[in-house]
């Protein structure tokens, strides 16, 4: 028997066995009961969704417009010097310093609303600039990016100097912008070695702008992100040990309202 016949025979046997396996799997599926693939435990806990702009029932309210009780000055740890407005918003008081949450956070869902000053002032990074820094290490940019060109990985909804937003959906200057952000913190073992990078998913004004992007390391204004062991909180003098949420004072009159988060 020549090699050609052997090859044909092997080919035929392979597909014959494959068809038997397929038929057996179909019969096995037909013999299964629907209950065999039902999973009843654990049962998801009940959370009541918010009505209109109100937060869900399990949210931690970070700012509702009444006080700064959840915040402090980021360096002095003293009281916040920003302006608390009658309309239940707060506005950066330029050059008084950034503010941070008193409590730390891990992986969270964050809701935050912000707006740039109505009066146009400056251009590029100098117009309506602030930022949300998760665990004082990873920044989602806040900037007036309506008809205001700058470097793409530094415009509103960029993961600052790491990821360009998928689209620019910023509303006109002076209108409220809405962030809904999912942040999964990086994981480290007991020796400080990273076992899983962190990631962001970001919606701006209801539109997906960052789709589960993996963090390259810490946010750095100059130079590359610090990654791996250097990314771990308190690993060195330049990596903050306090994992708070920080809002930046960049010298612009950016306003905020309705800030809440859910622990994941």
Protein backbone atom coordinates (compact mmCIF):
# COMPACT_ATOMS: atom_id res chain seq x y z
CA UNK A 1 0.00 0.00 0.00
CA UNK A 2 1.49 3.33 -1.00
CA UNK A 3 1.77 6.47 1.13
CA UNK A 4 -1.11 8.14 -0.71
CA UNK A 5 -3.54 5.43 0.36
CA UNK A 6 -2.29 5.56 3.95
CA UNK A 7 -2.80 9.31 4.08
CA UNK A 8 -6.35 8.99 2.75
CA UNK A 9 -7.13 6.26 5.27
CA UNK A 10 -5.80 8.34 8.18
CA UNK A 11 -7.77 11.33 6.97
CA UNK A 12 -10.96 9.27 6.77
CA UNK A 13 -10.44 7.77 10.26
CA UNK A 14 -9.80 11.20 11.78
CA UNK A 15 -13.08 12.63 10.51
CA UNK A 16 -14.96 9.45 11.37
CA UNK A 17 -13.82 9.71 15.02
CA UNK A 18 -14.55 13.43 15.04
CA UNK A 19 -18.11 12.84 13.86
CA UNK A 20 -18.64 10.21 16.57
CA UNK A 21 -17.47 12.65 19.24
CA UNK A 22 -19.78 15.32 17.87
CA UNK A 23 -22.79 13.00 17.84
CA UNK A 24 -22.02 11.85 21.39
CA UNK A 25 -21.80 15.44 22.63
CA UNK A 26 -25.15 16.25 21.01
CA UNK A 27 -26.78 13.24 22.67
CA UNK A 28 -25.19 14.18 26.01
CA UNK A 29 -26.64 17.71 25.71
CA UNK A 30 -30.07 16.27 24.93
CA UNK A 31 -29.93 14.00 27.99
CA UNK A 32 -29.12 16.89 30.33
CA UNK A 33 -31.86 18.56 32.33
CA UNK A 34 -32.22 22.37 32.38
CA UNK A 35 -31.63 22.36 36.16
CA UNK A 36 -28.11 20.96 35.71
CA UNK A 37 -26.85 24.30 34.40
CA UNK A 38 -28.75 26.54 36.81
CA UNK A 39 -26.66 28.33 39.46
CA UNK A 40 -28.64 29.60 42.47
CA UNK A 41 -25.91 30.57 44.92
CA UNK A 42 -24.69 33.05 45.79
CA UNK A 43 -27.73 35.27 45.33
CA UNK A 44 -26.79 38.86 44.34
CA UNK A 45 -27.53 41.32 47.16
CA UNK A 46 -30.31 43.81 46.60
CA UNK A 47 -29.31 47.38 45.69
CA UNK A 48 -31.89 50.06 45.03
CA UNK A 49 -31.00 52.23 42.02
CA UNK A 50 -31.08 55.98 42.38
CA UNK A 51 -33.99 58.06 41.11
CA UNK A 52 -32.97 60.63 38.49
CA UNK A 53 -29.56 61.91 39.67
CA UNK A 54 -29.58 60.33 43.13
CA UNK A 55 -27.00 57.62 43.94
CA UNK A 56 -27.79 53.90 44.45
CA UNK A 57 -28.52 52.64 47.95
CA UNK A 58 -25.05 51.16 48.55
CA UNK A 59 -23.09 54.24 47.45
CA UNK A 60 -20.80 56.22 49.72
CA UNK A 61 -21.58 59.91 49.29
CA UNK A 62 -18.34 61.86 48.90
CA UNK A 63 -19.91 65.24 48.16
CA UNK A 64 -23.59 66.26 48.19
CA UNK A 65 -23.05 70.03 48.29
CA UNK A 66 -23.59 70.52 52.00
CA UNK A 67 -20.07 70.25 53.44
CA UNK A 68 -16.49 69.00 52.98
CA UNK A 69 -16.69 66.37 55.73
CA UNK A 70 -15.23 63.62 53.53
CA UNK A 71 -12.32 65.76 52.28
CA UNK A 72 -9.14 67.44 53.52
CA UNK A 73 -6.17 69.39 52.16
CA UNK A 74 -3.93 66.87 50.39
CA UNK A 75 -0.63 67.97 51.93
CA UNK A 76 -1.39 69.73 55.22
CA UNK A 77 -4.33 67.37 56.02
CA UNK A 78 -6.20 70.44 57.30
CA UNK A 79 -9.63 71.74 56.29
CA UNK A 80 -10.51 72.27 52.64
CA UNK A 81 -10.10 75.85 51.39
CA UNK A 82 -12.16 75.46 48.20
CA UNK A 83 -15.42 77.39 47.74
CA UNK A 84 -18.69 75.77 48.83
CA UNK A 85 -21.39 77.33 46.63
CA UNK A 86 -25.08 78.01 47.46
CA UNK A 87 -26.18 75.74 44.56
CA UNK A 88 -24.57 72.73 46.30
CA UNK A 89 -21.46 72.70 44.15
CA UNK A 90 -17.84 73.31 45.04
CA UNK A 91 -15.23 75.23 43.08
CA UNK A 92 -11.46 75.06 43.14
CA UNK A 93 -9.96 78.05 44.95
CA UNK A 94 -6.81 78.53 42.90
CA UNK A 95 -3.46 77.99 44.59
CA UNK A 96 -4.97 76.78 47.88
CA UNK A 97 -3.98 73.19 47.08
CA UNK A 98 -5.52 69.96 45.90
CA UNK A 99 -7.95 68.03 48.10
CA UNK A 100 -8.20 64.33 48.91
CA UNK A 101 -10.69 62.01 50.55
CA UNK A 102 -9.99 61.29 54.21
CA UNK A 103 -10.66 57.59 53.66
CA UNK A 104 -8.71 55.34 51.33
CA UNK A 105 -10.27 53.34 48.52
CA UNK A 106 -9.62 50.16 46.59
CA UNK A 107 -11.47 49.10 43.44
CA UNK A 108 -14.48 51.37 42.96
CA UNK A 109 -17.22 52.68 40.72
CA UNK A 110 -17.08 56.47 40.78
CA UNK A 111 -19.69 59.00 39.70
CA UNK A 112 -18.59 62.64 39.47
CA UNK A 113 -19.89 65.75 37.71
CA UNK A 114 -17.70 68.72 36.80
CA UNK A 115 -17.67 71.84 34.68
CA UNK A 116 -15.10 74.28 33.37
CA UNK A 117 -15.38 78.04 33.98
CA UNK A 118 -17.94 79.71 31.70
CA UNK A 119 -15.53 82.53 30.86
CA UNK A 120 -12.88 81.28 28.46
CA UNK A 121 -9.38 81.78 29.79
CA UNK A 122 -6.17 80.19 28.58
CA UNK A 123 -5.69 77.48 25.99
CA UNK A 124 -4.46 73.89 25.83
CA UNK A 125 -3.60 72.58 29.27
CA UNK A 126 -4.22 76.04 30.72
CA UNK A 127 -8.00 76.00 30.18
CA UNK A 128 -10.29 74.38 32.75
CA UNK A 129 -7.61 72.00 34.01
CA UNK A 130 -8.07 69.72 37.01
CA UNK A 131 -7.94 65.96 37.43
CA UNK A 132 -9.18 62.95 39.38
CA UNK A 133 -6.30 60.92 40.79
CA UNK A 134 -7.21 57.46 42.03
CA UNK A 135 -5.16 56.26 45.00
CA UNK A 136 -3.04 59.38 44.40
CA UNK A 137 -1.35 57.47 41.57
CA UNK A 138 -3.59 57.18 38.50
CA UNK A 139 -5.15 60.22 36.84
CA UNK A 140 -8.25 60.62 34.70
CA UNK A 141 -7.89 64.05 33.14
CA UNK A 142 -10.32 66.94 33.57
CA UNK A 143 -9.89 69.69 30.99
CA UNK A 144 -11.98 72.04 28.89
CA UNK A 145 -11.55 70.09 25.65
CA UNK A 146 -14.33 71.83 23.73
CA UNK A 147 -12.66 73.49 20.73
CA UNK A 148 -9.40 73.46 22.67
CA UNK A 149 -6.62 71.38 21.07
CA UNK A 150 -3.88 69.86 23.20
CA UNK A 151 -1.90 66.62 23.16
CA UNK A 152 -4.40 63.79 22.78
CA UNK A 153 -3.32 61.78 25.82
CA UNK A 154 -3.81 64.90 27.93
CA UNK A 155 -7.33 65.96 26.91
CA UNK A 156 -10.50 65.37 28.93
CA UNK A 157 -11.17 61.66 29.69
CA UNK A 158 -7.60 60.63 28.86
CA UNK A 159 -5.83 58.33 31.26
CA UNK A 160 -3.25 61.05 31.59
CA UNK A 161 -0.23 60.43 29.32
CA UNK A 162 -1.19 56.78 28.94
CA UNK A 163 -4.41 56.36 26.93
CA UNK A 164 -6.13 58.64 24.41
CA UNK A 165 -9.95 58.67 24.72
CA UNK A 166 -11.85 56.76 22.03
CA UNK A 167 -13.85 59.90 21.17
CA UNK A 168 -14.20 63.50 22.36
CA UNK A 169 -17.70 63.90 23.82
CA UNK A 170 -17.09 66.99 25.94
CA UNK A 171 -20.05 69.36 26.10
CA UNK A 172 -19.61 73.09 25.43
CA UNK A 173 -17.60 75.17 27.89
CA UNK A 174 -19.51 75.95 31.08
CA UNK A 175 -21.90 72.97 30.82
CA UNK A 176 -21.84 70.10 33.31
CA UNK A 177 -19.88 67.02 32.29
CA UNK A 178 -20.61 63.59 33.81
CA UNK A 179 -18.03 60.91 34.56
CA UNK A 180 -18.87 57.31 35.41
CA UNK A 181 -15.64 55.43 36.03
CA UNK A 182 -14.81 51.86 36.99
CA UNK A 183 -11.37 51.50 38.56
CA UNK A 184 -9.86 48.12 39.41
CA UNK A 185 -6.77 48.54 41.54
CA UNK A 186 -3.57 46.58 40.78
CA UNK A 187 -2.82 43.50 42.86
CA UNK A 188 0.48 42.82 44.66
CA UNK A 189 1.77 39.77 46.54
CA UNK A 190 3.26 39.91 50.03
CA UNK A 191 6.72 40.63 48.58
CA UNK A 192 5.47 43.68 46.70
CA UNK A 193 5.51 42.01 43.29
CA UNK A 194 2.62 42.95 41.02
CA UNK A 195 0.38 40.00 40.23
CA UNK A 196 -2.29 41.86 38.25
CA UNK A 197 -2.22 45.37 36.71
CA UNK A 198 -5.00 47.84 37.42
CA UNK A 199 -7.44 49.02 34.76
CA UNK A 200 -9.98 51.73 33.92
CA UNK A 201 -13.31 51.82 32.12
CA UNK A 202 -14.58 55.37 31.65
CA UNK A 203 -17.86 56.84 30.43
CA UNK A 204 -18.07 60.58 29.75
CA UNK A 205 -21.56 62.01 29.29
CA UNK A 206 -22.89 58.48 28.84
CA UNK A 207 -20.41 57.53 26.09
CA UNK A 208 -17.65 54.92 26.46
CA UNK A 209 -14.28 56.67 26.15
CA UNK A 210 -11.91 54.17 27.85
CA UNK A 211 -12.65 50.47 27.39
CA UNK A 212 -11.05 48.36 30.13
CA UNK A 213 -7.57 49.80 29.51
CA UNK A 214 -4.71 48.27 31.50
CA UNK A 215 -2.64 50.73 33.49
CA UNK A 216 0.97 51.09 32.40
CA UNK A 217 1.94 52.29 35.89
CA UNK A 218 1.62 55.50 37.88
CA UNK A 219 0.71 58.82 36.27
CA UNK A 220 3.83 60.90 35.63
CA UNK A 221 3.97 64.41 34.19
CA UNK A 222 7.60 63.92 33.14
CA UNK A 223 8.98 60.54 32.17
CA UNK A 224 7.54 57.06 31.90
CA UNK A 225 5.05 55.51 34.36
CA UNK A 226 6.48 53.75 37.39
CA UNK A 227 5.37 50.15 37.18
CA UNK A 228 5.70 46.85 38.98
CA UNK A 229 7.15 47.02 42.49
CA UNK A 230 7.64 50.81 42.26
CA UNK A 231 3.90 51.18 41.70
CA UNK A 232 2.98 49.68 45.07
CA UNK A 233 1.71 52.29 47.60
CA UNK A 234 4.56 53.51 49.81
CA UNK A 235 7.19 51.49 47.94
CA UNK A 236 9.45 54.55 47.66
CA UNK A 237 9.50 58.24 48.55
CA UNK A 238 7.75 59.28 45.33
CA UNK A 239 4.86 56.78 45.53
CA UNK A 240 2.17 57.92 48.02
CA UNK A 241 1.25 55.40 50.69
CA UNK A 242 -2.24 56.83 51.30
CA UNK A 243 -4.69 55.42 48.72
CA UNK A 244 -7.07 58.37 48.67
CA UNK A 245 -9.06 59.94 45.84
CA UNK A 246 -7.58 63.33 44.93
CA UNK A 247 -9.02 66.33 43.06
CA UNK A 248 -6.40 68.66 41.62
CA UNK A 249 -5.97 72.38 42.06
CA UNK A 250 -4.43 73.42 38.74
CA UNK A 251 -5.19 77.10 39.24
CA UNK A 252 -8.46 76.98 37.26
CA UNK A 253 -12.01 77.59 38.56
CA UNK A 254 -13.29 74.07 37.89
CA UNK A 255 -16.49 73.14 39.76
CA UNK A 256 -17.74 69.79 41.07
CA UNK A 257 -21.01 68.31 42.28
CA UNK A 258 -22.75 64.99 43.01
CA UNK A 259 -19.74 62.78 43.81
CA UNK A 260 -20.29 59.23 45.05
CA UNK A 261 -18.59 55.86 44.84
CA UNK A 262 -19.38 52.18 45.25
CA UNK A 263 -16.83 49.68 46.53
CA UNK A 264 -16.25 46.76 44.16
